[in-house]
Amino acid sequence: MPGPVFRYPHGYRYRRWSIGLLLPSLFLSSRYYYDDYVRLGIGAPPYGYRWVRYGPDLLLVRIRTRRVVDVIYGAFY
């Protein structure tokens, strides 16, 4: 499903994230949070977690640790 244009911050480019990796804290901000998860047919994140958009992918991240716990590759194409 197409989404709004995504612009990587300076010094970043596409990277294929996987479960267990730590997301840089730069991406834990409202600019990258994705709250329209119902539109994609996925559930709300549990308390303490956020869906984070990274390019065409959607990452479920535990905020306290910045750890990626789930990935939907190609959520935005």
PDB file of N, CA and C in Angstrom:
ATOM      1  N   MET A   1       0.854  -1.166   0.000  1.00  0.00           N
ATOM      2  CA  MET A   1       0.000   0.000   0.000  1.00  0.00           C
ATOM      3  C   MET A   1       0.905   1.236   0.000  1.00  0.00           C
ATOM      4  N   PRO A   2       0.710   2.132  -0.937  1.00  0.00           N
ATOM      5  CA  PRO A   2       1.546   3.333  -0.967  1.00  0.00           C
ATOM      6  C   PRO A   2       1.330   4.186   0.286  1.00  0.00           C
ATOM      7  N   GLY A   3       2.368   4.808   0.716  1.00  0.00           N
ATOM      8  CA  GLY A   3       2.277   5.703   1.866  1.00  0.00           C
ATOM      9  C   GLY A   3       2.859   7.045   1.491  1.00  0.00           C
ATOM     10  N   PRO A   4       2.865   7.971   2.422  1.00  0.00           N
ATOM     11  CA  PRO A   4       3.482   9.267   2.132  1.00  0.00           C
ATOM     12  C   PRO A   4       4.963   9.093   1.818  1.00  0.00           C
ATOM     13  N   VAL A   5       5.515  10.052   1.121  1.00  0.00           N
ATOM     14  CA  VAL A   5       6.931  10.006   0.755  1.00  0.00           C
ATOM     15  C   VAL A   5       7.774   9.937   2.028  1.00  0.00           C
ATOM     16  N   PHE A   6       8.732   9.040   2.011  1.00  0.00           N
ATOM     17  CA  PHE A   6       9.622   8.877   3.160  1.00  0.00           C
ATOM     18  C   PHE A   6      10.977   9.455   2.793  1.00  0.00           C
ATOM     19  N   ARG A   7      11.501  10.288   3.659  1.00  0.00           N
ATOM     20  CA  ARG A   7      12.827  10.859   3.451  1.00  0.00           C
ATOM     21  C   ARG A   7      13.744  10.388   4.581  1.00  0.00           C
ATOM     22  N   TYR A   8      14.845   9.783   4.171  1.00  0.00           N
ATOM     23  CA  TYR A   8      15.820   9.333   5.161  1.00  0.00           C
ATOM     24  C   TYR A   8      16.556  10.543   5.723  1.00  0.00           C
ATOM     25  N   PRO A   9      16.883  10.517   7.010  1.00  0.00           N
ATOM     26  CA  PRO A   9      17.693  11.599   7.572  1.00  0.00           C
ATOM     27  C   PRO A   9      19.086  11.589   6.946  1.00  0.00           C
ATOM     28  N   HIS A  10      19.760  12.693   7.022  1.00  0.00           N
ATOM     29  CA  HIS A  10      21.116  12.811   6.477  1.00  0.00           C
ATOM     30  C   HIS A  10      22.003  11.693   7.038  1.00  0.00           C
ATOM     31  N   GLY A  11      22.685  11.024   6.148  1.00  0.00           N
ATOM     32  CA  GLY A  11      23.594   9.956   6.559  1.00  0.00           C
ATOM     33  C   GLY A  11      22.958   8.582   6.597  1.00  0.00           C
ATOM     34  N   TYR A  12      21.659   8.485   6.330  1.00  0.00           N
ATOM     35  CA  TYR A  12      20.966   7.196   6.347  1.00  0.00           C
ATOM     36  C   TYR A  12      20.467   6.870   4.951  1.00  0.00           C
ATOM     37  N   ARG A  13      20.353   5.594   4.681  1.00  0.00           N
ATOM     38  CA  ARG A  13      19.762   5.098   3.446  1.00  0.00           C
ATOM     39  C   ARG A  13      19.049   3.804   3.795  1.00  0.00           C
ATOM     40  N   TYR A  14      18.454   3.162   2.791  1.00  0.00           N
ATOM     41  CA  TYR A  14      17.709   1.939   3.103  1.00  0.00           C
ATOM     42  C   TYR A  14      18.612   0.889   3.729  1.00  0.00           C
ATOM     43  N   ARG A  15      18.048   0.247   4.707  1.00  0.00           N
ATOM     44  CA  ARG A  15      18.704  -0.870   5.385  1.00  0.00           C
ATOM     45  C   ARG A  15      17.609  -1.878   5.709  1.00  0.00           C
ATOM     46  N   ARG A  16      17.861  -3.124   5.538  1.00  0.00           N
ATOM     47  CA  ARG A  16      16.879  -4.157   5.851  1.00  0.00           C
ATOM     48  C   ARG A  16      17.057  -4.559   7.310  1.00  0.00           C
ATOM     49  N   TRP A  17      16.170  -4.047   8.161  1.00  0.00           N
ATOM     50  CA  TRP A  17      16.224  -4.343   9.587  1.00  0.00           C
ATOM     51  C   TRP A  17      15.710  -5.745   9.847  1.00  0.00           C
ATOM     52  N   SER A  18      16.170  -6.351  10.900  1.00  0.00           N
ATOM     53  CA  SER A  18      15.663  -7.665  11.301  1.00  0.00           C
ATOM     54  C   SER A  18      15.426  -7.670  12.808  1.00  0.00           C
ATOM     55  N   ILE A  19      14.673  -8.629  13.234  1.00  0.00           N
ATOM     56  CA  ILE A  19      14.309  -8.760  14.645  1.00  0.00           C
ATOM     57  C   ILE A  19      15.572  -8.883  15.486  1.00  0.00           C
ATOM     58  N   GLY A  20      15.591  -8.142  16.591  1.00  0.00           N
ATOM     59  CA  GLY A  20      16.702  -8.191  17.524  1.00  0.00           C
ATOM     60  C   GLY A  20      17.673  -7.037  17.408  1.00  0.00           C
ATOM     61  N   LEU A  21      17.665  -6.349  16.267  1.00  0.00           N
ATOM     62  CA  LEU A  21      18.575  -5.217  16.100  1.00  0.00           C
ATOM     63  C   LEU A  21      18.076  -3.999  16.871  1.00  0.00           C
ATOM     64  N   LEU A  22      19.000  -3.080  17.172  1.00  0.00           N
ATOM     65  CA  LEU A  22      18.648  -1.852  17.893  1.00  0.00           C
ATOM     66  C   LEU A  22      18.501  -0.704  16.903  1.00  0.00           C
ATOM     67  N   LEU A  23      17.350  -0.075  16.916  1.00  0.00           N
ATOM     68  CA  LEU A  23      17.071   1.052  16.035  1.00  0.00           C
ATOM     69  C   LEU A  23      17.682   2.316  16.630  1.00  0.00           C
ATOM     70  N   PRO A  24      18.359   3.133  15.835  1.00  0.00           N
ATOM     71  CA  PRO A  24      18.904   4.389  16.367  1.00  0.00           C
ATOM     72  C   PRO A  24      17.796   5.253  16.969  1.00  0.00           C
ATOM     73  N   SER A  25      18.087   5.903  18.072  1.00  0.00           N
ATOM     74  CA  SER A  25      17.063   6.687  18.785  1.00  0.00           C
ATOM     75  C   SER A  25      16.491   7.806  17.937  1.00  0.00           C
ATOM     76  N   LEU A  26      17.199   8.243  16.912  1.00  0.00           N
ATOM     77  CA  LEU A  26      16.694   9.262  15.994  1.00  0.00           C
ATOM     78  C   LEU A  26      15.319   8.884  15.442  1.00  0.00           C
ATOM     79  N   PHE A  27      15.070   7.596  15.239  1.00  0.00           N
ATOM     80  CA  PHE A  27      13.816   7.135  14.648  1.00  0.00           C
ATOM     81  C   PHE A  27      12.700   6.949  15.669  1.00  0.00           C
ATOM     82  N   LEU A  28      12.988   7.172  16.929  1.00  0.00           N
ATOM     83  CA  LEU A  28      11.954   7.061  17.959  1.00  0.00           C
ATOM     84  C   LEU A  28      11.383   8.441  18.232  1.00  0.00           C
ATOM     85  N   SER A  29      10.722   8.975  17.229  1.00  0.00           N
ATOM     86  CA  SER A  29      10.081  10.287  17.330  1.00  0.00           C
ATOM     87  C   SER A  29       8.814  10.271  16.497  1.00  0.00           C
ATOM     88  N   SER A  30       7.946  11.221  16.759  1.00  0.00           N
ATOM     89  CA  SER A  30       6.662  11.273  16.062  1.00  0.00           C
ATOM     90  C   SER A  30       6.830  11.382  14.548  1.00  0.00           C
ATOM     91  N   ARG A  31       7.956  11.880  14.100  1.00  0.00           N
ATOM     92  CA  ARG A  31       8.189  11.989  12.660  1.00  0.00           C
ATOM     93  C   ARG A  31       8.205  10.615  11.983  1.00  0.00           C
ATOM     94  N   TYR A  32       8.599   9.582  12.703  1.00  0.00           N
ATOM     95  CA  TYR A  32       8.708   8.239  12.129  1.00  0.00           C
ATOM     96  C   TYR A  32       7.670   7.258  12.672  1.00  0.00           C
ATOM     97  N   TYR A  33       6.961   7.625  13.741  1.00  0.00           N
ATOM     98  CA  TYR A  33       5.919   6.734  14.270  1.00  0.00           C
ATOM     99  C   TYR A  33       4.817   6.573  13.232  1.00  0.00           C
ATOM    100  N   TYR A  34       4.281   5.370  13.145  1.00  0.00           N
ATOM    101  CA  TYR A  34       3.178   5.104  12.226  1.00  0.00           C
ATOM    102  C   TYR A  34       1.977   4.683  13.057  1.00  0.00           C
ATOM    103  N   ASP A  35       0.959   5.531  13.060  1.00  0.00           N
ATOM    104  CA  ASP A  35      -0.226   5.284  13.883  1.00  0.00           C
ATOM    105  C   ASP A  35      -1.444   4.825  13.097  1.00  0.00           C
ATOM    106  N   ASP A  36      -1.342   4.764  11.778  1.00  0.00           N
ATOM    107  CA  ASP A  36      -2.488   4.361  10.955  1.00  0.00           C
ATOM    108  C   ASP A  36      -2.440   2.864  10.658  1.00  0.00           C
ATOM    109  N   TYR A  37      -2.106   2.073  11.677  1.00  0.00           N
ATOM    110  CA  TYR A  37      -1.923   0.632  11.498  1.00  0.00           C
ATOM    111  C   TYR A  37      -3.210  -0.073  11.078  1.00  0.00           C
ATOM    112  N   VAL A  38      -4.374   0.474  11.440  1.00  0.00           N
ATOM    113  CA  VAL A  38      -5.640  -0.139  11.039  1.00  0.00           C
ATOM    114  C   VAL A  38      -5.753  -0.148   9.513  1.00  0.00           C
ATOM    115  N   ARG A  39      -5.267   0.905   8.883  1.00  0.00           N
ATOM    116  CA  ARG A  39      -5.285   1.001   7.418  1.00  0.00           C
ATOM    117  C   ARG A  39      -4.518  -0.145   6.781  1.00  0.00           C
ATOM    118  N   LEU A  40      -3.480  -0.615   7.441  1.00  0.00           N
ATOM    119  CA  LEU A  40      -2.686  -1.726   6.922  1.00  0.00           C
ATOM    120  C   LEU A  40      -3.209  -3.087   7.373  1.00  0.00           C
ATOM    121  N   GLY A  41      -4.222  -3.071   8.224  1.00  0.00           N
ATOM    122  CA  GLY A  41      -4.791  -4.331   8.695  1.00  0.00           C
ATOM    123  C   GLY A  41      -3.945  -5.030   9.741  1.00  0.00           C
ATOM    124  N   ILE A  42      -3.178  -4.253  10.482  1.00  0.00           N
ATOM    125  CA  ILE A  42      -2.370  -4.842  11.556  1.00  0.00           C
ATOM    126  C   ILE A  42      -2.859  -4.298  12.894  1.00  0.00           C
ATOM    127  N   GLY A  43      -2.502  -4.960  13.957  1.00  0.00           N
ATOM    128  CA  GLY A  43      -2.969  -4.569  15.275  1.00  0.00           C
ATOM    129  C   GLY A  43      -2.205  -3.398  15.864  1.00  0.00           C
ATOM    130  N   ALA A  44      -2.814  -2.834  16.877  1.00  0.00           N
ATOM    131  CA  ALA A  44      -2.160  -1.760  17.626  1.00  0.00           C
ATOM    132  C   ALA A  44      -0.932  -2.328  18.340  1.00  0.00           C
ATOM    133  N   PRO A  45       0.093  -1.518  18.487  1.00  0.00           N
ATOM    134  CA  PRO A  45       1.269  -2.015  19.216  1.00  0.00           C
ATOM    135  C   PRO A  45       0.939  -2.169  20.699  1.00  0.00           C
ATOM    136  N   PRO A  46       1.541  -3.142  21.365  1.00  0.00           N
ATOM    137  CA  PRO A  46       1.339  -3.278  22.806  1.00  0.00           C
ATOM    138  C   PRO A  46       1.888  -2.049  23.536  1.00  0.00           C
ATOM    139  N   TYR A  47       1.479  -1.888  24.775  1.00  0.00           N
ATOM    140  CA  TYR A  47       1.977  -0.779  25.585  1.00  0.00           C
ATOM    141  C   TYR A  47       3.501  -0.829  25.633  1.00  0.00           C
ATOM    142  N   GLY A  48       4.136   0.321  25.408  1.00  0.00           N
ATOM    143  CA  GLY A  48       5.591   0.396  25.443  1.00  0.00           C
ATOM    144  C   GLY A  48       6.268   0.116  24.111  1.00  0.00           C
ATOM    145  N   TYR A  49       5.476  -0.134  23.081  1.00  0.00           N
ATOM    146  CA  TYR A  49       5.990  -0.411  21.744  1.00  0.00           C
ATOM    147  C   TYR A  49       5.387   0.588  20.765  1.00  0.00           C
ATOM    148  N   ARG A  50       6.061   0.781  19.626  1.00  0.00           N
ATOM    149  CA  ARG A  50       5.539   1.656  18.576  1.00  0.00           C
ATOM    150  C   ARG A  50       5.841   1.040  17.223  1.00  0.00           C
ATOM    151  N   TRP A  51       4.913   1.268  16.289  1.00  0.00           N
ATOM    152  CA  TRP A  51       5.214   0.980  14.895  1.00  0.00           C
ATOM    153  C   TRP A  51       6.024   2.143  14.366  1.00  0.00           C
ATOM    154  N   VAL A  52       7.138   1.861  13.719  1.00  0.00           N
ATOM    155  CA  VAL A  52       8.041   2.880  13.199  1.00  0.00           C
ATOM    156  C   VAL A  52       8.247   2.618  11.712  1.00  0.00           C
ATOM    157  N   ARG A  53       8.056   3.664  10.910  1.00  0.00           N
ATOM    158  CA  ARG A  53       8.295   3.512   9.477  1.00  0.00           C
ATOM    159  C   ARG A  53       9.766   3.754   9.179  1.00  0.00           C
ATOM    160  N   TYR A  54      10.329   2.843   8.389  1.00  0.00           N
ATOM    161  CA  TYR A  54      11.700   3.003   7.911  1.00  0.00           C
ATOM    162  C   TYR A  54      11.674   2.691   6.420  1.00  0.00           C
ATOM    163  N   GLY A  55      11.573   3.723   5.602  1.00  0.00           N
ATOM    164  CA  GLY A  55      11.466   3.533   4.160  1.00  0.00           C
ATOM    165  C   GLY A  55      10.210   2.760   3.828  1.00  0.00           C
ATOM    166  N   PRO A  56      10.329   1.673   3.053  1.00  0.00           N
ATOM    167  CA  PRO A  56       9.145   0.901   2.683  1.00  0.00           C
ATOM    168  C   PRO A  56       8.701  -0.097   3.749  1.00  0.00           C
ATOM    169  N   ASP A  57       9.439  -0.197   4.828  1.00  0.00           N
ATOM    170  CA  ASP A  57       9.171  -1.204   5.852  1.00  0.00           C
ATOM    171  C   ASP A  57       8.552  -0.600   7.115  1.00  0.00           C
ATOM    172  N   LEU A  58       7.896  -1.456   7.867  1.00  0.00           N
ATOM    173  CA  LEU A  58       7.303  -1.059   9.137  1.00  0.00           C
ATOM    174  C   LEU A  58       7.919  -1.926  10.232  1.00  0.00           C
ATOM    175  N   LEU A  59       8.445  -1.276  11.254  1.00  0.00           N
ATOM    176  CA  LEU A  59       9.130  -1.981  12.336  1.00  0.00           C
ATOM    177  C   LEU A  59       8.348  -1.828  13.624  1.00  0.00           C
ATOM    178  N   LEU A  60       8.178  -2.905  14.357  1.00  0.00           N
ATOM    179  CA  LEU A  60       7.618  -2.824  15.697  1.00  0.00           C
ATOM    180  C   LEU A  60       8.795  -2.766  16.657  1.00  0.00           C
ATOM    181  N   VAL A  61       8.867  -1.669  17.416  1.00  0.00           N
ATOM    182  CA  VAL A  61      10.040  -1.409  18.252  1.00  0.00           C
ATOM    183  C   VAL A  61       9.618  -1.245  19.707  1.00  0.00           C
ATOM    184  N   ARG A  62      10.363  -1.881  20.590  1.00  0.00           N
ATOM    185  CA  ARG A  62      10.163  -1.667  22.024  1.00  0.00           C
ATOM    186  C   ARG A  62      10.878  -0.363  22.373  1.00  0.00           C
ATOM    187  N   ILE A  63      10.118   0.626  22.792  1.00  0.00           N
ATOM    188  CA  ILE A  63      10.649   1.973  22.987  1.00  0.00           C
ATOM    189  C   ILE A  63      11.780   2.008  24.012  1.00  0.00           C
ATOM    190  N   ARG A  64      11.606   1.357  25.134  1.00  0.00           N
ATOM    191  CA  ARG A  64      12.600   1.432  26.215  1.00  0.00           C
ATOM    192  C   ARG A  64      13.978   0.926  25.793  1.00  0.00           C
ATOM    193  N   THR A  65      13.993  -0.115  24.958  1.00  0.00           N
ATOM    194  CA  THR A  65      15.274  -0.724  24.573  1.00  0.00           C
ATOM    195  C   THR A  65      15.704  -0.403  23.139  1.00  0.00           C
ATOM    196  N   ARG A  66      14.782   0.126  22.332  1.00  0.00           N
ATOM    197  CA  ARG A  66      14.995   0.418  20.912  1.00  0.00           C
ATOM    198  C   ARG A  66      15.132  -0.865  20.077  1.00  0.00           C
ATOM    199  N   ARG A  67      14.784  -2.004  20.659  1.00  0.00           N
ATOM    200  CA  ARG A  67      14.945  -3.281  19.971  1.00  0.00           C
ATOM    201  C   ARG A  67      13.780  -3.539  19.008  1.00  0.00           C
ATOM    202  N   VAL A  68      14.117  -3.961  17.791  1.00  0.00           N
ATOM    203  CA  VAL A  68      13.119  -4.334  16.786  1.00  0.00           C
ATOM    204  C   VAL A  68      12.577  -5.712  17.149  1.00  0.00           C
ATOM    205  N   VAL A  69      11.252  -5.812  17.305  1.00  0.00           N
ATOM    206  CA  VAL A  69      10.659  -7.091  17.692  1.00  0.00           C
ATOM    207  C   VAL A  69       9.816  -7.711  16.581  1.00  0.00           C
ATOM    208  N   ASP A  70       9.493  -6.924  15.549  1.00  0.00           N
ATOM    209  CA  ASP A  70       8.771  -7.453  14.394  1.00  0.00           C
ATOM    210  C   ASP A  70       9.015  -6.525  13.213  1.00  0.00           C
ATOM    211  N   VAL A  71       8.949  -7.088  12.019  1.00  0.00           N
ATOM    212  CA  VAL A  71       9.171  -6.305  10.797  1.00  0.00           C
ATOM    213  C   VAL A  71       8.149  -6.725   9.754  1.00  0.00           C
ATOM    214  N   ILE A  72       7.574  -5.739   9.085  1.00  0.00           N
ATOM    215  CA  ILE A  72       6.739  -5.993   7.912  1.00  0.00           C
ATOM    216  C   ILE A  72       7.470  -5.369   6.727  1.00  0.00           C
ATOM    217  N   TYR A  73       8.129  -6.217   5.948  1.00  0.00           N
ATOM    218  CA  TYR A  73       8.883  -5.725   4.797  1.00  0.00           C
ATOM    219  C   TYR A  73       7.915  -5.323   3.689  1.00  0.00           C
ATOM    220  N   GLY A  74       8.192  -4.184   3.054  1.00  0.00           N
ATOM    221  CA  GLY A  74       7.391  -3.743   1.922  1.00  0.00           C
ATOM    222  C   GLY A  74       5.983  -3.295   2.278  1.00  0.00           C
ATOM    223  N   ALA A  75       5.777  -2.855   3.510  1.00  0.00           N
ATOM    224  CA  ALA A  75       4.442  -2.388   3.916  1.00  0.00           C
ATOM    225  C   ALA A  75       4.020  -1.181   3.081  1.00  0.00           C
ATOM    226  N   PHE A  76       4.985  -0.387   2.656  1.00  0.00           N
ATOM    227  CA  PHE A  76       4.746   0.779   1.813  1.00  0.00           C
ATOM    228  C   PHE A  76       5.552   0.592   0.537  1.00  0.00           C
ATOM    229  N   TYR A  77       4.872   0.469  -0.555  1.00  0.00           N
ATOM    230  CA  TYR A  77       5.602   0.251  -1.815  1.00  0.00           C
ATOM    231  C   TYR A  77       5.236   1.275  -2.836  1.00  0.00           C
TER     232      TYR A  77
END
